[in-house]
Protein backbone atom coordinates (compact mmCIF):
# COMPACT_ATOMS: atom_id res chain seq x y z
CA MET A 1 34.29 -3.43 9.13
CA SER A 2 30.56 -3.02 8.52
CA ARG A 3 28.08 -5.78 9.25
CA VAL A 4 25.74 -6.87 6.47
CA VAL A 5 22.12 -6.46 7.46
CA PRO A 6 20.39 -9.74 6.64
CA PRO A 7 16.83 -9.85 5.28
CA ALA A 8 13.99 -10.10 7.84
CA ILE A 9 13.01 -13.55 6.68
CA PRO A 10 9.52 -14.60 7.64
CA ALA A 11 9.21 -17.73 9.81
CA GLY A 12 9.35 -20.89 7.82
CA LEU A 13 11.38 -19.52 4.97
CA GLU A 14 14.79 -19.46 6.76
CA GLY A 15 15.91 -22.71 5.07
CA LEU A 16 15.36 -21.08 1.62
CA LEU A 17 17.74 -18.12 2.15
CA GLY A 18 20.52 -19.78 0.09
CA ARG A 19 18.14 -20.32 -2.77
CA PHE A 20 16.83 -16.73 -2.58
CA ILE A 21 20.43 -15.38 -2.65
CA ALA A 22 21.26 -17.59 -5.61
CA GLU A 23 18.16 -16.35 -7.46
CA MET A 24 19.10 -12.73 -6.71
CA GLU A 25 22.55 -13.26 -8.16
CA ALA A 26 21.04 -14.83 -11.30
CA ASP A 27 18.36 -12.12 -11.45
CA LEU A 28 21.04 -9.40 -11.15
CA ALA A 29 22.94 -10.89 -14.15
CA THR A 30 19.73 -10.88 -16.14
CA LEU A 31 18.88 -7.35 -15.05
CA GLN A 32 22.30 -6.12 -16.20
CA SER A 33 21.98 -7.86 -19.48
CA MET A 34 18.53 -6.50 -20.02
CA VAL A 35 19.58 -2.96 -19.25
CA GLU A 36 22.55 -3.30 -21.69
CA SER A 37 20.38 -4.71 -24.47
CA GLY A 38 17.42 -2.41 -23.96
CA ASP A 39 15.13 -5.44 -23.46
CA ASP A 40 11.44 -4.50 -23.26
CA GLY A 41 10.86 -7.18 -20.62
CA LEU A 42 12.73 -5.16 -17.98
CA PRO A 43 9.59 -3.90 -16.10
CA GLU A 44 8.33 -7.50 -15.65
CA HIS A 45 11.77 -8.70 -14.52
CA LEU A 46 11.97 -5.78 -11.99
CA HIS A 47 8.46 -6.68 -10.76
CA ALA A 48 9.48 -10.36 -10.27
CA MET A 49 12.68 -9.34 -8.37
CA ARG A 50 10.65 -6.96 -6.09
CA GLY A 51 8.12 -9.77 -5.41
CA LYS A 52 10.91 -12.18 -4.33
CA CYS A 53 12.42 -9.52 -2.11
CA ALA A 54 9.06 -8.76 -0.51
CA MET A 55 8.43 -12.45 0.20
CA PHE A 56 11.81 -12.87 1.87
CA GLY A 57 11.77 -9.63 3.85
CA GLU A 58 14.60 -8.10 1.83
CA ASP A 59 13.58 -4.50 2.31
CA ILE A 60 16.86 -2.87 1.22
CA LEU A 61 16.95 -4.39 -2.19
CA PHE A 62 13.14 -3.99 -2.54
CA ALA A 63 13.44 -0.27 -1.90
CA GLU A 64 16.23 0.13 -4.54
CA LEU A 65 14.25 -1.84 -7.07
CA SER A 66 11.09 0.10 -6.31
CA ALA A 67 12.84 3.43 -6.82
CA ILE A 68 13.19 2.65 -10.50
CA ASP A 69 10.35 4.45 -12.33
CA VAL A 70 7.66 2.22 -13.86
CA GLY A 71 8.83 1.54 -17.38
CA GLY A 72 12.13 3.19 -16.62
CA ARG A 73 15.65 1.89 -16.65
CA PRO A 74 17.95 1.97 -13.62
CA SER A 75 20.75 4.51 -13.76
CA PRO A 76 24.27 3.19 -13.62
CA GLU A 77 24.54 4.40 -10.06
CA ARG A 78 21.32 2.59 -8.98
CA LEU A 79 22.41 -0.56 -10.74
CA ALA A 80 25.73 -0.36 -8.81
CA VAL A 81 23.84 -0.08 -5.50
CA ILE A 82 21.67 -3.05 -6.44
CA ALA A 83 24.69 -5.08 -7.40
CA ALA A 84 26.44 -4.14 -4.11
CA ARG A 85 23.45 -5.28 -2.09
CA VAL A 86 23.25 -8.64 -3.86
CA ALA A 87 26.99 -9.06 -3.24
CA ASP A 88 26.34 -8.26 0.48
CA LEU A 89 23.63 -10.84 0.62
CA ALA A 90 25.95 -13.41 -1.03
CA SER A 91 28.52 -12.76 1.65
CA LEU A 92 26.15 -13.80 4.48
CA ASP A 93 26.99 -16.96 6.43
CA ILE A 94 23.87 -19.09 5.69
CA SER A 95 25.04 -22.21 7.47
CA PRO A 96 22.51 -23.66 9.97
CA ASP A 97 24.71 -22.70 12.93
CA ALA A 98 25.10 -19.07 11.82
């Protein structure tokens, strides 16, 4: 069984990890919808997701999102990797005693 690598959360933001993960889950759903519909707002959405990842030290997801060409659309394979990472984050035990 592999261990999920948690984000390298900067000091002071630890208590917001649950909110960050919830936002990534919602952002992923929006991303998938935008890709399917061909929404022109996709670059801005990707930029916002990358910014949140950078702020919370989520380097893995940041790198995957950054690998999408500016103005481009994620391939189905990259979208699957992004979705898998968000699922990994959602599986983290974020209780205060974890």
